[in-house]
Amino acid sequence: DRLLDSYHAERYPVGQQLLKGTDRLFSFASSRNPLVTTVRDAMARWVVPRVLADRGRRAKAFGFVSELGIAYPDSPIVCDAVGDPGHGLRAGSRVPDLAIGSGTLFDLLRGPAHHLLVFPGVVGDGGVPAGWPAYVTLHVVGAEVDPHGDMRRTFGLESGGLALVRPDGYLAYRTLSREGADLLALLRTTYWEPAV
């Protein structure tokens, strides 16, 4: 039930915002009001090209249109246990593709599973916490996967920790701890886990 309810919590506001935006845009584009058509034509000729000439604004517009810029930080099925929310990718954000040792991060995250990224501590402990459900694929992010530390910086886990990526490419959970007890509890209350 919690998982199904999360779909409404995440997607309904996005759908409402998209509907409002497209309704306004359609009304503006199809208006026959002489004042609106004059403003529209001037914007199409002079304003839009100047606005879209800036790379950052183009990227923001692309993120909106493609829905790649959508985040779910308030979703009931994501949790950010890192104390400083401004440091690194927040839970509920879409994970970006990064170059890693053997290709890209998206190559690593393929398939319908959740992916648990285990970032060993700086001292190099390579142990993996045990007891994970079968729908979670574990990846130890060592120097061979992240030679320049780009993944550690992106996730804000330079000193080690755990990051769980959902099958849809969104960060579901991150923590500086490598114990994983809170994450296991979240998984067990959010997802159905068949009896063994």
N, C-alpha and C. Protein backbone atom coordinates (compact mmCIF):
# COMPACT_ATOMS: atom_id res chain seq x y z
N ASP A 1 0.83 -1.21 0.00
CA ASP A 1 0.00 0.00 0.00
C ASP A 1 0.86 1.26 0.00
N ARG A 2 1.92 1.23 0.81
CA ARG A 2 2.80 2.40 0.89
C ARG A 2 3.45 2.69 -0.46
N LEU A 3 3.88 1.64 -1.15
CA LEU A 3 4.50 1.81 -2.46
C LEU A 3 3.51 2.38 -3.47
N LEU A 4 2.29 1.85 -3.50
CA LEU A 4 1.28 2.35 -4.43
C LEU A 4 0.90 3.79 -4.11
N ASP A 5 0.78 4.13 -2.83
CA ASP A 5 0.45 5.50 -2.44
C ASP A 5 1.54 6.47 -2.87
N SER A 6 2.78 6.01 -2.91
CA SER A 6 3.90 6.89 -3.28
C SER A 6 3.79 7.35 -4.73
N TYR A 7 3.17 6.54 -5.59
CA TYR A 7 3.02 6.94 -6.98
C TYR A 7 2.21 8.22 -7.07
N HIS A 8 1.11 8.28 -6.34
CA HIS A 8 0.28 9.49 -6.35
C HIS A 8 1.05 10.66 -5.74
N ALA A 9 1.74 10.42 -4.64
CA ALA A 9 2.49 11.50 -3.98
C ALA A 9 3.57 12.08 -4.89
N GLU A 10 4.21 11.23 -5.69
CA GLU A 10 5.28 11.69 -6.56
C GLU A 10 4.76 12.26 -7.87
N ARG A 11 3.88 11.54 -8.54
CA ARG A 11 3.51 11.90 -9.91
C ARG A 11 2.33 12.86 -10.04
N TYR A 12 1.39 12.86 -9.11
CA TYR A 12 0.22 13.73 -9.24
C TYR A 12 0.61 15.21 -9.30
N PRO A 13 1.48 15.71 -8.40
CA PRO A 13 1.87 17.13 -8.50
C PRO A 13 2.57 17.45 -9.82
N VAL A 14 3.36 16.51 -10.33
CA VAL A 14 4.05 16.71 -11.60
C VAL A 14 3.03 16.80 -12.73
N GLY A 15 2.05 15.91 -12.73
CA GLY A 15 1.01 15.94 -13.74
C GLY A 15 0.20 17.22 -13.70
N GLN A 16 -0.12 17.69 -12.49
CA GLN A 16 -0.87 18.94 -12.34
C GLN A 16 -0.07 20.12 -12.89
N GLN A 17 1.21 20.17 -12.55
CA GLN A 17 2.06 21.27 -13.02
C GLN A 17 2.20 21.23 -14.55
N LEU A 18 2.38 20.04 -15.10
CA LEU A 18 2.51 19.90 -16.54
C LEU A 18 1.21 20.31 -17.25
N LEU A 19 0.08 19.90 -16.69
CA LEU A 19 -1.21 20.25 -17.26
C LEU A 19 -1.44 21.76 -17.25
N LYS A 20 -1.12 22.40 -16.12
CA LYS A 20 -1.26 23.86 -16.04
C LYS A 20 -0.37 24.55 -17.06
N GLY A 21 0.88 24.09 -17.15
CA GLY A 21 1.83 24.70 -18.09
C GLY A 21 1.39 24.55 -19.54
N THR A 22 0.96 23.35 -19.91
CA THR A 22 0.54 23.14 -21.30
C THR A 22 -0.75 23.89 -21.61
N ASP A 23 -1.67 23.98 -20.64
CA ASP A 23 -2.91 24.75 -20.85
C ASP A 23 -2.59 26.22 -21.10
N ARG A 24 -1.70 26.78 -20.29
CA ARG A 24 -1.32 28.20 -20.46
C ARG A 24 -0.63 28.42 -21.81
N LEU A 25 0.29 27.51 -22.12
CA LEU A 25 1.03 27.64 -23.38
C LEU A 25 0.10 27.52 -24.59
N PHE A 26 -0.83 26.57 -24.53
CA PHE A 26 -1.78 26.40 -25.63
C PHE A 26 -2.67 27.64 -25.77
N SER A 27 -3.16 28.15 -24.63
CA SER A 27 -4.01 29.36 -24.67
C SER A 27 -3.25 30.54 -25.27
N PHE A 28 -2.00 30.68 -24.88
CA PHE A 28 -1.16 31.78 -25.39
C PHE A 28 -0.89 31.60 -26.88
N ALA A 29 -0.58 30.37 -27.28
CA ALA A 29 -0.23 30.11 -28.69
C ALA A 29 -1.43 30.18 -29.62
N SER A 30 -2.62 29.86 -29.13
CA SER A 30 -3.79 29.82 -30.00
C SER A 30 -4.69 31.05 -29.88
N SER A 31 -4.28 32.00 -29.06
CA SER A 31 -5.11 33.20 -28.87
C SER A 31 -5.22 34.02 -30.15
N ARG A 32 -6.40 34.61 -30.36
CA ARG A 32 -6.61 35.49 -31.50
C ARG A 32 -6.70 36.95 -31.05
N ASN A 33 -6.50 37.17 -29.77
CA ASN A 33 -6.50 38.53 -29.24
C ASN A 33 -5.33 39.30 -29.87
N PRO A 34 -5.58 40.47 -30.49
CA PRO A 34 -4.51 41.20 -31.18
C PRO A 34 -3.34 41.57 -30.27
N LEU A 35 -3.61 41.90 -29.02
CA LEU A 35 -2.53 42.25 -28.10
C LEU A 35 -1.66 41.02 -27.81
N VAL A 36 -2.32 39.89 -27.57
CA VAL A 36 -1.59 38.65 -27.28
C VAL A 36 -0.78 38.21 -28.50
N THR A 37 -1.36 38.29 -29.70
CA THR A 37 -0.63 37.87 -30.90
C THR A 37 0.58 38.76 -31.16
N THR A 38 0.46 40.06 -30.87
CA THR A 38 1.60 40.97 -31.03
C THR A 38 2.72 40.60 -30.07
N VAL A 39 2.35 40.37 -28.80
CA VAL A 39 3.35 39.97 -27.79
C VAL A 39 3.96 38.63 -28.16
N ARG A 40 3.12 37.67 -28.56
CA ARG A 40 3.60 36.33 -28.93
C ARG A 40 4.58 36.39 -30.09
N ASP A 41 4.24 37.15 -31.12
CA ASP A 41 5.11 37.26 -32.29
C ASP A 41 6.44 37.92 -31.94
N ALA A 42 6.38 38.96 -31.10
CA ALA A 42 7.61 39.64 -30.69
C ALA A 42 8.49 38.69 -29.87
N MET A 43 7.85 37.93 -28.98
CA MET A 43 8.63 36.97 -28.17
C MET A 43 9.27 35.91 -29.05
N ALA A 44 8.49 35.39 -30.01
CA ALA A 44 9.03 34.35 -30.89
C ALA A 44 10.21 34.86 -31.71
N ARG A 45 10.16 36.10 -32.08
CA ARG A 45 11.20 36.65 -32.95
C ARG A 45 12.42 37.15 -32.15
N TRP A 46 12.18 37.80 -31.01
CA TRP A 46 13.28 38.48 -30.31
C TRP A 46 13.66 37.87 -28.97
N VAL A 47 12.71 37.50 -28.17
CA VAL A 47 13.00 37.08 -26.79
C VAL A 47 13.46 35.62 -26.73
N VAL A 48 12.69 34.72 -27.33
CA VAL A 48 12.99 33.29 -27.22
C VAL A 48 14.40 32.95 -27.72
N PRO A 49 14.84 33.45 -28.89
CA PRO A 49 16.20 33.13 -29.33
C PRO A 49 17.28 33.61 -28.36
N ARG A 50 17.07 34.78 -27.74
CA ARG A 50 18.05 35.29 -26.79
C ARG A 50 18.06 34.49 -25.48
N VAL A 51 16.87 34.10 -25.05
CA VAL A 51 16.77 33.29 -23.83
C VAL A 51 17.44 31.93 -24.05
N LEU A 52 17.15 31.31 -25.19
CA LEU A 52 17.69 29.98 -25.46
C LEU A 52 19.14 29.99 -25.94
N ALA A 53 19.71 31.18 -26.14
CA ALA A 53 21.12 31.27 -26.52
C ALA A 53 22.02 30.88 -25.35
N ASP A 54 21.51 31.01 -24.12
CA ASP A 54 22.27 30.67 -22.93
C ASP A 54 22.20 29.17 -22.67
N ARG A 55 23.35 28.52 -22.56
CA ARG A 55 23.41 27.06 -22.39
C ARG A 55 22.69 26.59 -21.13
N GLY A 56 22.83 27.32 -20.03
CA GLY A 56 22.18 26.95 -18.78
C GLY A 56 20.67 26.99 -18.88
N ARG A 57 20.15 28.02 -19.54
CA ARG A 57 18.70 28.13 -19.72
C ARG A 57 18.17 27.04 -20.65
N ARG A 58 18.95 26.70 -21.68
CA ARG A 58 18.56 25.60 -22.57
C ARG A 58 18.50 24.29 -21.80
N ALA A 59 19.49 24.07 -20.95
CA ALA A 59 19.52 22.84 -20.16
C ALA A 59 18.32 22.78 -19.22
N LYS A 60 17.98 23.91 -18.63
CA LYS A 60 16.83 23.94 -17.72
C LYS A 60 15.53 23.68 -18.48
N ALA A 61 15.39 24.28 -19.66
CA ALA A 61 14.20 24.06 -20.49
C ALA A 61 14.12 22.60 -20.91
N PHE A 62 15.27 22.02 -21.30
CA PHE A 62 15.29 20.61 -21.69
C PHE A 62 14.91 19.72 -20.51
N GLY A 63 15.41 20.05 -19.32
CA GLY A 63 15.08 19.28 -18.12
C GLY A 63 13.60 19.30 -17.83
N PHE A 64 12.95 20.45 -18.07
CA PHE A 64 11.51 20.56 -17.84
C PHE A 64 10.73 19.76 -18.88
N VAL A 65 11.05 19.95 -20.15
CA VAL A 65 10.31 19.29 -21.23
C VAL A 65 10.51 17.78 -21.18
N SER A 66 11.72 17.33 -20.93
CA SER A 66 12.01 15.90 -20.92
C SER A 66 11.65 15.24 -19.59
N GLU A 67 11.33 16.05 -18.59
CA GLU A 67 11.03 15.60 -17.22
C GLU A 67 12.25 15.02 -16.51
N LEU A 68 13.44 15.24 -17.04
CA LEU A 68 14.65 14.76 -16.38
C LEU A 68 15.02 15.63 -15.18
N GLY A 69 14.45 16.82 -15.09
CA GLY A 69 14.75 17.72 -13.99
C GLY A 69 13.83 17.55 -12.80
N ILE A 70 12.93 16.57 -12.86
CA ILE A 70 11.98 16.35 -11.78
C ILE A 70 12.67 15.64 -10.62
N ALA A 71 12.35 16.05 -9.41
CA ALA A 71 12.89 15.41 -8.21
C ALA A 71 11.74 15.15 -7.24
N TYR A 72 11.92 14.17 -6.37
CA TYR A 72 10.90 13.79 -5.39
C TYR A 72 11.46 13.81 -3.96
N PRO A 73 12.01 14.92 -3.50
CA PRO A 73 12.62 14.93 -2.17
C PRO A 73 11.63 14.70 -1.03
N ASP A 74 10.35 14.96 -1.26
CA ASP A 74 9.34 14.79 -0.21
C ASP A 74 8.55 13.50 -0.35
N SER A 75 8.99 12.61 -1.23
CA SER A 75 8.30 11.34 -1.42
C SER A 75 8.33 10.52 -0.13
N PRO A 76 7.24 9.80 0.15
CA PRO A 76 7.23 8.96 1.35
C PRO A 76 8.14 7.73 1.26
N ILE A 77 8.69 7.44 0.07
CA ILE A 77 9.55 6.25 -0.06
C ILE A 77 11.00 6.60 -0.35
N VAL A 78 11.41 7.84 -0.08
CA VAL A 78 12.83 8.19 -0.16
C VAL A 78 13.26 8.74 1.19
N CYS A 79 14.53 8.59 1.50
CA CYS A 79 15.04 9.06 2.78
C CYS A 79 16.50 9.49 2.61
N ASP A 80 16.80 10.67 3.10
CA ASP A 80 18.18 11.16 3.06
C ASP A 80 18.69 11.24 4.49
N ALA A 81 19.55 10.30 4.85
CA ALA A 81 20.07 10.24 6.21
C ALA A 81 21.42 10.94 6.35
N VAL A 82 21.81 11.73 5.32
CA VAL A 82 23.04 12.51 5.41
C VAL A 82 22.69 13.82 6.08
N GLY A 83 23.46 14.21 7.08
CA GLY A 83 23.14 15.39 7.87
C GLY A 83 23.06 16.69 7.09
N ASP A 84 23.92 16.87 6.09
CA ASP A 84 23.97 18.11 5.32
C ASP A 84 23.26 17.90 3.99
N PRO A 85 21.97 18.33 3.87
CA PRO A 85 21.24 18.08 2.63
C PRO A 85 21.80 18.81 1.42
N GLY A 86 22.59 19.85 1.63
CA GLY A 86 23.16 20.60 0.51
C GLY A 86 24.42 19.96 -0.05
N HIS A 87 24.90 18.90 0.59
CA HIS A 87 26.14 18.27 0.18
C HIS A 87 25.83 17.00 -0.62
N GLY A 88 26.08 17.05 -1.91
CA GLY A 88 25.84 15.89 -2.75
C GLY A 88 24.40 15.79 -3.21
N LEU A 89 24.16 14.78 -4.01
CA LEU A 89 22.84 14.51 -4.58
C LEU A 89 21.86 14.14 -3.47
N ARG A 90 20.73 14.82 -3.41
CA ARG A 90 19.72 14.52 -2.39
C ARG A 90 18.88 13.33 -2.77
N ALA A 91 18.44 12.57 -1.78
CA ALA A 91 17.51 11.48 -2.05
C ALA A 91 16.26 12.06 -2.68
N GLY A 92 15.74 11.37 -3.69
CA GLY A 92 14.60 11.87 -4.45
C GLY A 92 15.00 12.51 -5.76
N SER A 93 16.32 12.72 -5.96
CA SER A 93 16.83 13.31 -7.19
C SER A 93 17.14 12.22 -8.21
N ARG A 94 17.09 12.60 -9.47
CA ARG A 94 17.45 11.66 -10.53
C ARG A 94 18.97 11.55 -10.56
N VAL A 95 19.47 10.34 -10.64
CA VAL A 95 20.91 10.09 -10.65
C VAL A 95 21.44 10.44 -12.04
N PRO A 96 22.51 11.25 -12.12
CA PRO A 96 23.07 11.59 -13.43
C PRO A 96 23.98 10.47 -13.93
N ASP A 97 24.17 10.43 -15.23
CA ASP A 97 25.10 9.46 -15.79
C ASP A 97 26.51 10.01 -15.60
N LEU A 98 27.42 9.16 -15.17
CA LEU A 98 28.80 9.56 -14.94
C LEU A 98 29.72 8.55 -15.62
N ALA A 99 30.88 9.02 -16.06
CA ALA A 99 31.90 8.10 -16.57
C ALA A 99 32.50 7.37 -15.38
N ILE A 100 32.55 6.05 -15.47
CA ILE A 100 33.19 5.25 -14.42
C ILE A 100 34.22 4.35 -15.08
N GLY A 101 34.94 3.60 -14.28
CA GLY A 101 36.05 2.81 -14.78
C GLY A 101 35.73 1.93 -15.97
N SER A 102 34.55 1.30 -15.99
CA SER A 102 34.25 0.34 -17.06
C SER A 102 33.17 0.83 -18.03
N GLY A 103 32.88 2.09 -18.05
CA GLY A 103 31.84 2.62 -18.94
C GLY A 103 31.16 3.82 -18.31
N THR A 104 29.86 3.67 -18.04
CA THR A 104 29.11 4.76 -17.41
C THR A 104 28.31 4.22 -16.23
N LEU A 105 27.87 5.12 -15.38
CA LEU A 105 27.06 4.72 -14.23
C LEU A 105 25.76 4.08 -14.69
N PHE A 106 25.16 4.59 -15.77
CA PHE A 106 23.92 4.00 -16.27
C PHE A 106 24.13 2.56 -16.73
N ASP A 107 25.31 2.24 -17.25
CA ASP A 107 25.61 0.85 -17.61
C ASP A 107 25.55 -0.04 -16.37
N LEU A 108 26.07 0.48 -15.26
CA LEU A 108 26.11 -0.26 -14.00
C LEU A 108 24.70 -0.46 -13.43
N LEU A 109 23.83 0.53 -13.66
CA LEU A 109 22.50 0.52 -13.04
C LEU A 109 21.40 -0.08 -13.93
N ARG A 110 21.79 -0.84 -14.93
CA ARG A 110 20.79 -1.44 -15.83
C ARG A 110 19.98 -2.51 -15.11
N GLY A 111 18.77 -2.71 -15.63
CA GLY A 111 17.93 -3.79 -15.12
C GLY A 111 16.86 -3.30 -14.18
N PRO A 112 15.93 -4.19 -13.84
CA PRO A 112 14.77 -3.80 -13.03
C PRO A 112 15.01 -3.83 -11.52
N ALA A 113 16.24 -4.01 -11.10
CA ALA A 113 16.53 -4.11 -9.67
C ALA A 113 16.81 -2.74 -9.05
N HIS A 114 16.76 -2.68 -7.73
CA HIS A 114 17.33 -1.56 -7.01
C HIS A 114 18.83 -1.81 -6.97
N HIS A 115 19.62 -0.75 -6.96
CA HIS A 115 21.06 -0.90 -6.94
C HIS A 115 21.61 -0.20 -5.70
N LEU A 116 22.27 -0.99 -4.85
CA LEU A 116 22.88 -0.44 -3.65
C LEU A 116 24.36 -0.19 -3.93
N LEU A 117 24.73 1.09 -3.91
CA LEU A 117 26.13 1.47 -4.11
C LEU A 117 26.78 1.56 -2.75
N VAL A 118 27.77 0.73 -2.52
CA VAL A 118 28.49 0.68 -1.25
C VAL A 118 29.80 1.43 -1.46
N PHE A 119 29.94 2.56 -0.79
CA PHE A 119 31.16 3.36 -0.86
C PHE A 119 32.00 3.04 0.37
N PRO A 120 33.09 2.27 0.20
CA PRO A 120 33.93 1.95 1.35
C PRO A 120 34.50 3.22 1.96
N GLY A 121 34.83 3.14 3.26
CA GLY A 121 35.46 4.28 3.92
C GLY A 121 36.81 4.57 3.32
N VAL A 122 37.35 5.73 3.63
CA VAL A 122 38.61 6.15 3.02
C VAL A 122 39.77 5.23 3.36
N VAL A 123 39.64 4.45 4.44
CA VAL A 123 40.71 3.52 4.79
C VAL A 123 40.68 2.27 3.91
N GLY A 124 39.65 2.13 3.07
CA GLY A 124 39.64 1.05 2.11
C GLY A 124 38.93 -0.21 2.54
N ASP A 125 38.08 -0.13 3.59
CA ASP A 125 37.36 -1.34 3.98
C ASP A 125 36.42 -1.74 2.85
N GLY A 126 36.52 -2.96 2.38
CA GLY A 126 35.74 -3.41 1.23
C GLY A 126 34.59 -4.31 1.59
N GLY A 127 34.26 -4.43 2.89
CA GLY A 127 33.18 -5.31 3.30
C GLY A 127 31.83 -4.81 2.80
N VAL A 128 30.91 -5.76 2.56
CA VAL A 128 29.58 -5.42 2.10
C VAL A 128 28.58 -5.86 3.17
N PRO A 129 27.70 -4.96 3.60
CA PRO A 129 26.69 -5.36 4.59
C PRO A 129 25.86 -6.53 4.07
N ALA A 130 25.43 -7.42 4.95
CA ALA A 130 24.70 -8.62 4.55
C ALA A 130 23.21 -8.46 4.82
N GLY A 131 22.41 -9.39 4.27
CA GLY A 131 21.00 -9.45 4.58
C GLY A 131 20.10 -8.66 3.65
N TRP A 132 20.53 -8.43 2.41
CA TRP A 132 19.74 -7.62 1.49
C TRP A 132 18.74 -8.47 0.74
N PRO A 133 17.54 -7.90 0.46
CA PRO A 133 16.54 -8.63 -0.32
C PRO A 133 17.05 -8.93 -1.73
N ALA A 134 16.44 -9.93 -2.37
CA ALA A 134 16.88 -10.37 -3.70
C ALA A 134 16.70 -9.29 -4.76
N TYR A 135 15.81 -8.32 -4.55
CA TYR A 135 15.59 -7.28 -5.56
C TYR A 135 16.59 -6.13 -5.46
N VAL A 136 17.60 -6.29 -4.62
CA VAL A 136 18.65 -5.28 -4.47
C VAL A 136 19.96 -5.86 -4.99
N THR A 137 20.56 -5.20 -6.00
CA THR A 137 21.86 -5.61 -6.53
C THR A 137 22.92 -4.73 -5.89
N LEU A 138 23.95 -5.36 -5.34
CA LEU A 138 25.00 -4.62 -4.64
C LEU A 138 26.19 -4.34 -5.55
N HIS A 139 26.75 -3.13 -5.40
CA HIS A 139 27.95 -2.74 -6.13
C HIS A 139 28.90 -2.05 -5.15
N VAL A 140 30.10 -2.56 -5.02
CA VAL A 140 31.10 -1.89 -4.20
C VAL A 140 31.80 -0.87 -5.10
N VAL A 141 31.77 0.38 -4.70
CA VAL A 141 32.34 1.46 -5.50
C VAL A 141 33.75 1.75 -4.99
N GLY A 142 34.69 0.97 -5.50
CA GLY A 142 36.09 1.16 -5.14
C GLY A 142 36.82 1.99 -6.17
N ALA A 143 38.12 2.04 -6.07
CA ALA A 143 38.95 2.86 -6.96
C ALA A 143 38.86 2.42 -8.42
N GLU A 144 38.62 1.12 -8.66
CA GLU A 144 38.53 0.66 -10.05
C GLU A 144 37.25 1.14 -10.72
N VAL A 145 36.18 1.35 -9.96
CA VAL A 145 34.92 1.84 -10.49
C VAL A 145 34.91 3.37 -10.54
N ASP A 146 35.45 3.99 -9.51
CA ASP A 146 35.41 5.45 -9.37
C ASP A 146 36.82 6.00 -9.16
N PRO A 147 37.69 5.90 -10.20
CA PRO A 147 39.10 6.25 -10.02
C PRO A 147 39.36 7.70 -9.64
N HIS A 148 38.50 8.62 -10.05
CA HIS A 148 38.73 10.04 -9.77
C HIS A 148 37.83 10.58 -8.65
N GLY A 149 37.01 9.71 -8.06
CA GLY A 149 36.15 10.12 -6.96
C GLY A 149 34.91 10.90 -7.39
N ASP A 150 34.57 10.88 -8.70
CA ASP A 150 33.41 11.62 -9.18
C ASP A 150 32.10 11.12 -8.56
N MET A 151 31.97 9.80 -8.44
CA MET A 151 30.74 9.25 -7.84
C MET A 151 30.64 9.63 -6.37
N ARG A 152 31.76 9.53 -5.65
CA ARG A 152 31.75 9.90 -4.23
C ARG A 152 31.31 11.36 -4.05
N ARG A 153 31.86 12.26 -4.88
CA ARG A 153 31.50 13.67 -4.78
C ARG A 153 30.04 13.90 -5.17
N THR A 154 29.60 13.25 -6.24
CA THR A 154 28.22 13.42 -6.71
C THR A 154 27.23 12.99 -5.64
N PHE A 155 27.48 11.87 -5.00
CA PHE A 155 26.57 11.37 -3.97
C PHE A 155 26.84 11.98 -2.60
N GLY A 156 27.92 12.75 -2.46
CA GLY A 156 28.24 13.36 -1.17
C GLY A 156 28.70 12.34 -0.16
N LEU A 157 29.37 11.28 -0.63
CA LEU A 157 29.81 10.19 0.25
C LEU A 157 31.32 9.99 0.15
N GLU A 158 32.05 11.09 0.24
CA GLU A 158 33.51 11.02 0.12
C GLU A 158 34.15 10.15 1.18
N SER A 159 33.56 10.10 2.37
CA SER A 159 34.14 9.32 3.46
C SER A 159 33.54 7.93 3.56
N GLY A 160 32.67 7.58 2.63
CA GLY A 160 32.03 6.27 2.65
C GLY A 160 30.55 6.38 2.97
N GLY A 161 29.82 5.30 2.70
CA GLY A 161 28.40 5.27 2.97
C GLY A 161 27.66 4.40 1.98
N LEU A 162 26.34 4.52 1.98
CA LEU A 162 25.48 3.73 1.12
C LEU A 162 24.55 4.64 0.32
N ALA A 163 24.29 4.26 -0.93
CA ALA A 163 23.32 4.98 -1.75
C ALA A 163 22.49 3.93 -2.48
N LEU A 164 21.16 4.02 -2.33
CA LEU A 164 20.26 3.08 -3.00
C LEU A 164 19.59 3.80 -4.16
N VAL A 165 19.75 3.25 -5.38
CA VAL A 165 19.16 3.82 -6.58
C VAL A 165 17.98 2.94 -7.00
N ARG A 166 16.82 3.57 -7.19
CA ARG A 166 15.63 2.84 -7.59
C ARG A 166 15.74 2.40 -9.06
N PRO A 167 14.91 1.46 -9.48
CA PRO A 167 14.94 1.03 -10.89
C PRO A 167 14.64 2.16 -11.88
N ASP A 168 13.93 3.20 -11.43
CA ASP A 168 13.63 4.32 -12.34
C ASP A 168 14.75 5.36 -12.38
N GLY A 169 15.88 5.08 -11.72
CA GLY A 169 17.04 5.97 -11.78
C GLY A 169 17.04 7.08 -10.76
N TYR A 170 16.17 7.02 -9.77
CA TYR A 170 16.12 8.03 -8.72
C TYR A 170 16.81 7.52 -7.46
N LEU A 171 17.47 8.43 -6.76
CA LEU A 171 18.15 8.08 -5.52
C LEU A 171 17.10 7.91 -4.43
N ALA A 172 16.97 6.69 -3.90
CA ALA A 172 15.96 6.40 -2.89
C ALA A 172 16.46 6.67 -1.48
N TYR A 173 17.76 6.49 -1.28
CA TYR A 173 18.29 6.57 0.09
C TYR A 173 19.79 6.80 0.03
N ARG A 174 20.28 7.60 0.96
CA ARG A 174 21.74 7.70 1.12
C ARG A 174 22.05 7.95 2.59
N THR A 175 23.15 7.39 3.01
CA THR A 175 23.57 7.51 4.40
C THR A 175 25.08 7.45 4.47
N LEU A 176 25.64 8.09 5.48
CA LEU A 176 27.08 8.02 5.71
C LEU A 176 27.47 6.72 6.40
N SER A 177 26.48 6.07 6.99
CA SER A 177 26.72 4.80 7.69
C SER A 177 26.86 3.68 6.68
N ARG A 178 27.58 2.64 7.05
CA ARG A 178 27.66 1.46 6.20
C ARG A 178 26.95 0.28 6.84
N GLU A 179 26.21 0.54 7.91
CA GLU A 179 25.50 -0.55 8.59
C GLU A 179 24.26 -0.98 7.80
N GLY A 180 23.45 -0.02 7.38
CA GLY A 180 22.31 -0.33 6.54
C GLY A 180 21.05 -0.78 7.25
N ALA A 181 21.01 -0.75 8.59
CA ALA A 181 19.82 -1.22 9.31
C ALA A 181 18.60 -0.36 8.99
N ASP A 182 18.77 0.97 8.96
CA ASP A 182 17.65 1.86 8.64
C ASP A 182 17.17 1.64 7.21
N LEU A 183 18.11 1.42 6.30
CA LEU A 183 17.74 1.17 4.91
C LEU A 183 16.98 -0.14 4.77
N LEU A 184 17.42 -1.18 5.47
CA LEU A 184 16.69 -2.45 5.43
C LEU A 184 15.28 -2.29 5.97
N ALA A 185 15.12 -1.51 7.03
CA ALA A 185 13.78 -1.26 7.59
C ALA A 185 12.91 -0.53 6.58
N LEU A 186 13.48 0.47 5.90
CA LEU A 186 12.73 1.21 4.88
C LEU A 186 12.29 0.27 3.75
N LEU A 187 13.19 -0.58 3.30
CA LEU A 187 12.86 -1.53 2.23
C LEU A 187 11.75 -2.49 2.66
N ARG A 188 11.82 -2.96 3.89
CA ARG A 188 10.84 -3.94 4.34
C ARG A 188 9.46 -3.33 4.56
N THR A 189 9.41 -2.04 4.91
CA THR A 189 8.10 -1.41 5.09
C THR A 189 7.55 -0.84 3.80
N THR A 190 8.40 -0.65 2.79
CA THR A 190 7.95 -0.05 1.54
C THR A 190 7.62 -1.10 0.49
N TYR A 191 8.40 -2.16 0.41
CA TYR A 191 8.23 -3.15 -0.64
C TYR A 191 7.78 -4.48 -0.06
N TRP A 192 6.97 -5.16 -0.83
CA TRP A 192 6.54 -6.49 -0.43
C TRP A 192 7.73 -7.42 -0.51
N GLU A 193 7.94 -8.17 0.53
CA GLU A 193 9.05 -9.12 0.53
C GLU A 193 8.50 -10.52 0.75
N PRO A 194 8.55 -11.38 -0.24
CA PRO A 194 7.97 -12.71 -0.08
C PRO A 194 8.69 -13.53 0.98
N ALA A 195 7.94 -14.39 1.62
CA ALA A 195 8.53 -15.27 2.64
C ALA A 195 9.49 -16.23 1.96
N VAL A 196 10.60 -16.52 2.64
CA VAL A 196 11.60 -17.42 2.07
C VAL A 196 11.22 -18.86 2.37
